[in-house]
Amino acid sequence: MATREIFRKLNIQQRIKALYLDGSFVADIRYYQYKINLYLFENFYVEVFYLPTEDRVEKVEILDEKSSRINFYIDQIKLPDLI
């Protein structure tokens, strides 16, 4: 079972593979030039920042519960672990 600390130590390819194998897609939003996919992984949420204009994933990060982006997700779905 991966923890936040272990996930943070993974490189981007390893993070993507872990989400593909064991993550659950929750929602997506548009944020500036990004399409951000939100996944539930183990017991925390992960954001995948995708640049459609370049057809590439720029970063894969654990969702910061203090980020203003969380309001975009809350408008779509209920995130009980964060509210």
Protein backbone atom coordinates (compact mmCIF):
# COMPACT_ATOMS: atom_id res chain seq x y z
CA MET A 1 0.00 0.00 0.00
CA ALA A 2 1.52 3.27 -1.12
CA THR A 3 1.67 6.26 1.16
CA ARG A 4 1.88 9.90 0.21
CA GLU A 5 5.61 9.91 0.96
CA ILE A 6 6.29 6.91 -1.26
CA PHE A 7 4.15 8.39 -4.06
CA ARG A 8 6.06 11.68 -3.87
CA LYS A 9 9.35 9.83 -4.40
CA LEU A 10 8.17 8.23 -7.65
CA ASN A 11 9.09 9.82 -10.97
CA ILE A 12 6.32 10.96 -13.31
CA GLN A 13 6.26 7.71 -15.33
CA GLN A 14 5.99 5.64 -12.15
CA ARG A 15 3.19 7.87 -10.84
CA ILE A 16 1.24 7.51 -14.10
CA LYS A 17 1.68 3.73 -14.04
CA ALA A 18 0.54 3.53 -10.40
CA LEU A 19 -2.59 5.56 -11.19
CA TYR A 20 -3.31 3.48 -14.28
CA LEU A 21 -3.01 0.22 -12.35
CA ASP A 22 -4.50 1.14 -8.98
CA GLY A 23 -6.14 4.57 -9.21
CA SER A 24 -9.78 5.44 -9.77
CA PHE A 25 -10.76 8.33 -12.01
CA VAL A 26 -12.99 10.79 -10.13
CA ALA A 27 -13.47 13.93 -12.26
CA ASP A 28 -11.80 16.37 -14.59
CA ILE A 29 -11.67 20.14 -14.84
CA ARG A 30 -10.27 22.74 -17.19
CA TYR A 31 -7.80 25.07 -15.48
CA TYR A 32 -6.02 27.67 -17.57
CA GLN A 33 -4.39 25.72 -20.43
CA TYR A 34 -4.63 22.37 -18.60
CA LYS A 35 -7.11 19.56 -18.48
CA ILE A 36 -6.68 18.21 -14.96
CA ASN A 37 -7.84 14.68 -14.18
CA LEU A 38 -8.49 13.86 -10.54
CA TYR A 39 -7.85 10.33 -9.30
CA LEU A 40 -8.36 8.62 -5.97
CA PHE A 41 -5.24 6.62 -5.17
CA GLU A 42 -5.07 4.62 -1.96
CA ASN A 43 -6.51 7.15 0.50
CA PHE A 44 -5.58 10.44 -1.18
CA TYR A 45 -6.36 12.39 -4.33
CA VAL A 46 -3.93 12.95 -7.21
CA GLU A 47 -4.12 15.50 -10.02
CA VAL A 48 -2.79 14.76 -13.50
CA PHE A 49 -2.02 17.97 -15.42
CA TYR A 50 -2.46 17.34 -19.14
CA LEU A 51 -1.61 19.89 -21.85
CA PRO A 52 -3.91 19.11 -24.80
CA THR A 53 -2.11 21.55 -27.11
CA GLU A 54 1.11 19.57 -26.66
CA ASP A 55 -0.51 16.16 -26.05
CA ARG A 56 1.53 15.50 -22.93
CA VAL A 57 1.23 15.09 -19.18
CA GLU A 58 3.18 17.88 -17.55
CA LYS A 59 2.93 16.81 -13.92
CA VAL A 60 1.27 14.39 -11.55
CA GLU A 61 0.84 15.77 -8.04
CA ILE A 62 -1.01 14.96 -4.84
CA LEU A 63 -3.96 17.35 -4.49
CA ASP A 64 -3.21 20.15 -2.07
CA GLU A 65 -6.30 20.43 0.12
CA LYS A 66 -5.58 24.16 0.56
CA SER A 67 -5.57 24.85 -3.19
CA SER A 68 -8.34 27.02 -4.60
CA ARG A 69 -8.77 24.39 -7.35
CA ILE A 70 -10.56 22.18 -4.87
CA ASN A 71 -13.64 24.37 -5.32
CA PHE A 72 -13.91 23.30 -8.96
CA TYR A 73 -14.04 19.65 -7.91
CA ILE A 74 -16.45 20.27 -5.04
CA ASP A 75 -18.85 21.87 -7.52
CA GLN A 76 -18.91 18.60 -9.49
CA ILE A 77 -18.73 15.90 -6.83
CA LYS A 78 -18.53 15.43 -3.10
CA LEU A 79 -15.02 14.80 -1.80
CA PRO A 80 -15.72 13.52 1.71
CA ASP A 81 -12.07 13.09 2.70
CA LEU A 82 -11.33 16.75 2.03
CA ILE A 83 -14.42 18.56 3.33
